[in-house]
């Protein structure tokens, strides 16, 4: 698997590894609204805390979520 990823990495012009793909998948699932428990199962994690580390949260997404929750603008 590592050799395949390395070859694809050269073709696309930037380096990445298997964990980058896992993080991307986890982040994409989170952005689609999937629950952390479901994402953890997809990644075969035993604890949500581990899954949470895989998800890259965008600051703008956090701001929008807080605004939605509180009803206040944070700009």
N, C-alpha and C. Protein backbone atom coordinates (compact mmCIF):
# COMPACT_ATOMS: atom_id res chain seq x y z
N UNK A 1 0.82 -1.19 0.00
CA UNK A 1 0.00 0.00 0.00
C UNK A 1 0.86 1.25 0.00
N UNK A 2 1.92 1.25 0.78
CA UNK A 2 2.78 2.43 0.87
C UNK A 2 3.41 2.77 -0.48
N UNK A 3 3.78 1.74 -1.25
CA UNK A 3 4.38 1.98 -2.57
C UNK A 3 3.37 2.58 -3.53
N UNK A 4 2.14 2.13 -3.47
CA UNK A 4 1.09 2.68 -4.32
C UNK A 4 0.86 4.15 -3.99
N UNK A 5 0.76 4.44 -2.70
CA UNK A 5 0.55 5.83 -2.27
C UNK A 5 1.73 6.69 -2.70
N UNK A 6 2.93 6.16 -2.59
CA UNK A 6 4.12 6.91 -2.99
C UNK A 6 4.09 7.22 -4.50
N UNK A 7 3.67 6.25 -5.32
CA UNK A 7 3.57 6.47 -6.76
C UNK A 7 2.52 7.52 -7.10
N UNK A 8 1.35 7.42 -6.45
CA UNK A 8 0.28 8.39 -6.69
C UNK A 8 0.74 9.77 -6.24
N UNK A 9 1.44 9.82 -5.13
CA UNK A 9 1.96 11.08 -4.61
C UNK A 9 2.85 11.78 -5.64
N UNK A 10 3.69 11.02 -6.30
CA UNK A 10 4.56 11.60 -7.33
C UNK A 10 3.75 12.11 -8.53
N UNK A 11 2.72 11.37 -8.90
CA UNK A 11 1.89 11.75 -10.05
C UNK A 11 1.15 13.06 -9.77
N UNK A 12 0.58 13.20 -8.57
CA UNK A 12 -0.20 14.40 -8.26
C UNK A 12 0.67 15.59 -7.87
N UNK A 13 1.93 15.33 -7.53
CA UNK A 13 2.86 16.42 -7.27
C UNK A 13 2.96 16.89 -5.84
N UNK A 14 2.41 16.12 -4.88
CA UNK A 14 2.62 16.46 -3.48
C UNK A 14 2.62 15.19 -2.64
N UNK A 15 3.33 15.25 -1.54
CA UNK A 15 3.46 14.07 -0.69
C UNK A 15 2.28 13.90 0.25
N UNK A 16 1.87 12.66 0.43
CA UNK A 16 0.87 12.31 1.43
C UNK A 16 1.07 10.85 1.77
N UNK A 17 0.44 10.43 2.86
CA UNK A 17 0.58 9.04 3.30
C UNK A 17 -0.79 8.47 3.67
N UNK A 18 -0.80 7.22 4.10
CA UNK A 18 -2.06 6.55 4.43
C UNK A 18 -2.82 7.28 5.52
N UNK A 19 -2.12 7.80 6.52
CA UNK A 19 -2.81 8.52 7.59
C UNK A 19 -3.44 9.81 7.09
N UNK A 20 -2.82 10.45 6.11
CA UNK A 20 -3.42 11.64 5.51
C UNK A 20 -4.76 11.27 4.86
N UNK A 21 -4.81 10.12 4.19
CA UNK A 21 -6.05 9.67 3.56
C UNK A 21 -7.11 9.37 4.62
N UNK A 22 -6.70 8.76 5.74
CA UNK A 22 -7.64 8.47 6.82
C UNK A 22 -8.19 9.78 7.41
N UNK A 23 -7.29 10.76 7.60
CA UNK A 23 -7.74 12.06 8.15
C UNK A 23 -8.70 12.74 7.19
N UNK A 24 -8.39 12.67 5.90
CA UNK A 24 -9.27 13.27 4.90
C UNK A 24 -10.64 12.61 4.90
N UNK A 25 -10.66 11.29 4.97
CA UNK A 25 -11.93 10.56 5.02
C UNK A 25 -12.72 10.93 6.27
N UNK A 26 -12.04 10.99 7.42
CA UNK A 26 -12.71 11.33 8.68
C UNK A 26 -13.28 12.74 8.62
N UNK A 27 -12.49 13.68 8.12
CA UNK A 27 -12.94 15.06 8.02
C UNK A 27 -14.12 15.18 7.06
N UNK A 28 -14.05 14.50 5.93
CA UNK A 28 -15.14 14.54 4.95
C UNK A 28 -16.43 13.98 5.55
N UNK A 29 -16.33 12.87 6.26
CA UNK A 29 -17.52 12.29 6.90
C UNK A 29 -18.09 13.25 7.94
N UNK A 30 -17.22 13.91 8.71
CA UNK A 30 -17.69 14.87 9.71
C UNK A 30 -18.39 16.05 9.04
N UNK A 31 -17.83 16.53 7.93
CA UNK A 31 -18.44 17.64 7.20
C UNK A 31 -19.79 17.25 6.62
N UNK A 32 -19.97 15.97 6.32
CA UNK A 32 -21.25 15.48 5.81
C UNK A 32 -22.26 15.25 6.92
N UNK A 33 -21.82 15.43 8.16
CA UNK A 33 -22.73 15.32 9.29
C UNK A 33 -22.77 13.99 10.00
N UNK A 34 -21.85 13.09 9.65
CA UNK A 34 -21.83 11.80 10.33
C UNK A 34 -21.36 11.94 11.76
N UNK A 35 -21.93 11.15 12.63
CA UNK A 35 -21.61 11.15 14.05
C UNK A 35 -20.19 10.61 14.26
N UNK A 36 -19.52 11.12 15.30
CA UNK A 36 -18.17 10.71 15.63
C UNK A 36 -18.07 9.20 15.87
N UNK A 37 -19.11 8.61 16.44
CA UNK A 37 -19.12 7.16 16.68
C UNK A 37 -19.08 6.39 15.36
N UNK A 38 -19.84 6.84 14.38
CA UNK A 38 -19.86 6.19 13.07
C UNK A 38 -18.51 6.34 12.39
N UNK A 39 -17.96 7.53 12.45
CA UNK A 39 -16.65 7.77 11.83
C UNK A 39 -15.60 6.87 12.50
N UNK A 40 -15.68 6.75 13.80
CA UNK A 40 -14.75 5.87 14.52
C UNK A 40 -14.85 4.43 14.08
N UNK A 41 -16.06 3.99 13.82
CA UNK A 41 -16.25 2.61 13.34
C UNK A 41 -15.65 2.44 11.95
N UNK A 42 -15.84 3.44 11.10
CA UNK A 42 -15.26 3.37 9.75
C UNK A 42 -13.74 3.26 9.84
N UNK A 43 -13.15 4.01 10.77
CA UNK A 43 -11.70 4.00 10.93
C UNK A 43 -11.20 2.87 11.83
N UNK A 44 -12.14 2.08 12.37
CA UNK A 44 -11.82 0.96 13.25
C UNK A 44 -11.13 1.42 14.54
N UNK A 45 -11.64 2.52 15.10
CA UNK A 45 -11.12 3.03 16.36
C UNK A 45 -11.96 2.52 17.53
N UNK A 46 -11.31 2.29 18.65
CA UNK A 46 -12.01 1.83 19.84
C UNK A 46 -12.55 2.97 20.69
N UNK A 47 -11.94 4.15 20.57
CA UNK A 47 -12.35 5.29 21.40
C UNK A 47 -12.57 6.54 20.55
N UNK A 48 -13.58 7.30 20.92
CA UNK A 48 -13.91 8.52 20.18
C UNK A 48 -12.77 9.54 20.25
N UNK A 49 -12.03 9.54 21.33
CA UNK A 49 -10.93 10.50 21.50
C UNK A 49 -9.89 10.32 20.39
N UNK A 50 -9.66 9.09 19.99
CA UNK A 50 -8.71 8.82 18.91
C UNK A 50 -9.29 9.35 17.60
N UNK A 51 -10.55 9.07 17.35
CA UNK A 51 -11.20 9.52 16.11
C UNK A 51 -11.18 11.03 16.02
N UNK A 52 -11.41 11.71 17.13
CA UNK A 52 -11.45 13.17 17.15
C UNK A 52 -10.14 13.76 16.65
N UNK A 53 -9.03 13.10 16.92
CA UNK A 53 -7.72 13.60 16.48
C UNK A 53 -7.56 13.52 14.97
N UNK A 54 -8.31 12.65 14.33
CA UNK A 54 -8.22 12.50 12.88
C UNK A 54 -9.00 13.57 12.13
N UNK A 55 -9.94 14.20 12.79
CA UNK A 55 -10.81 15.16 12.12
C UNK A 55 -10.19 16.55 12.17
N UNK A 56 -9.97 17.13 11.00
CA UNK A 56 -9.43 18.49 10.91
C UNK A 56 -10.60 19.45 10.87
N UNK A 57 -10.72 20.25 11.92
CA UNK A 57 -11.83 21.19 12.00
C UNK A 57 -11.38 22.56 11.50
N UNK A 58 -12.13 23.09 10.59
CA UNK A 58 -11.87 24.38 10.01
C UNK A 58 -12.37 25.46 10.97
N UNK A 59 -11.57 26.52 11.19
CA UNK A 59 -11.94 27.59 12.11
C UNK A 59 -13.25 28.26 11.67
N UNK A 60 -13.43 28.43 10.38
CA UNK A 60 -14.66 29.04 9.87
C UNK A 60 -15.87 28.16 10.19
N UNK A 61 -15.71 26.84 10.09
CA UNK A 61 -16.79 25.93 10.43
C UNK A 61 -17.14 26.04 11.90
N UNK A 62 -16.12 26.17 12.74
CA UNK A 62 -16.36 26.33 14.18
C UNK A 62 -17.14 27.61 14.47
N UNK A 63 -16.75 28.70 13.79
CA UNK A 63 -17.43 29.99 13.99
C UNK A 63 -18.90 29.87 13.60
N UNK A 64 -19.17 29.27 12.44
CA UNK A 64 -20.55 29.11 12.00
C UNK A 64 -21.35 28.23 12.96
N UNK A 65 -20.74 27.19 13.46
CA UNK A 65 -21.44 26.30 14.40
C UNK A 65 -21.76 27.04 15.69
N UNK A 66 -20.82 27.85 16.19
CA UNK A 66 -21.07 28.62 17.40
C UNK A 66 -22.16 29.66 17.18
N UNK A 67 -22.13 30.33 16.02
CA UNK A 67 -23.16 31.31 15.71
C UNK A 67 -24.53 30.65 15.64
N UNK A 68 -24.58 29.51 15.04
CA UNK A 68 -25.85 28.78 14.92
C UNK A 68 -26.35 28.37 16.30
N UNK A 69 -25.46 27.91 17.13
CA UNK A 69 -25.83 27.45 18.47
C UNK A 69 -26.29 28.61 19.37
N UNK A 70 -25.57 29.73 19.29
CA UNK A 70 -25.87 30.84 20.19
C UNK A 70 -26.83 31.87 19.59
N UNK A 71 -26.91 31.90 18.25
CA UNK A 71 -27.75 32.90 17.60
C UNK A 71 -27.09 34.26 17.54
N UNK A 72 -25.80 34.34 17.87
CA UNK A 72 -25.06 35.59 17.86
C UNK A 72 -23.99 35.58 16.78
N UNK A 73 -23.76 36.73 16.15
CA UNK A 73 -22.70 36.85 15.17
C UNK A 73 -21.36 37.00 15.88
N UNK A 74 -20.35 36.30 15.39
CA UNK A 74 -19.03 36.37 16.00
C UNK A 74 -18.04 37.16 15.15
N UNK A 75 -18.55 37.93 14.19
CA UNK A 75 -17.67 38.72 13.33
C UNK A 75 -17.32 40.02 13.98
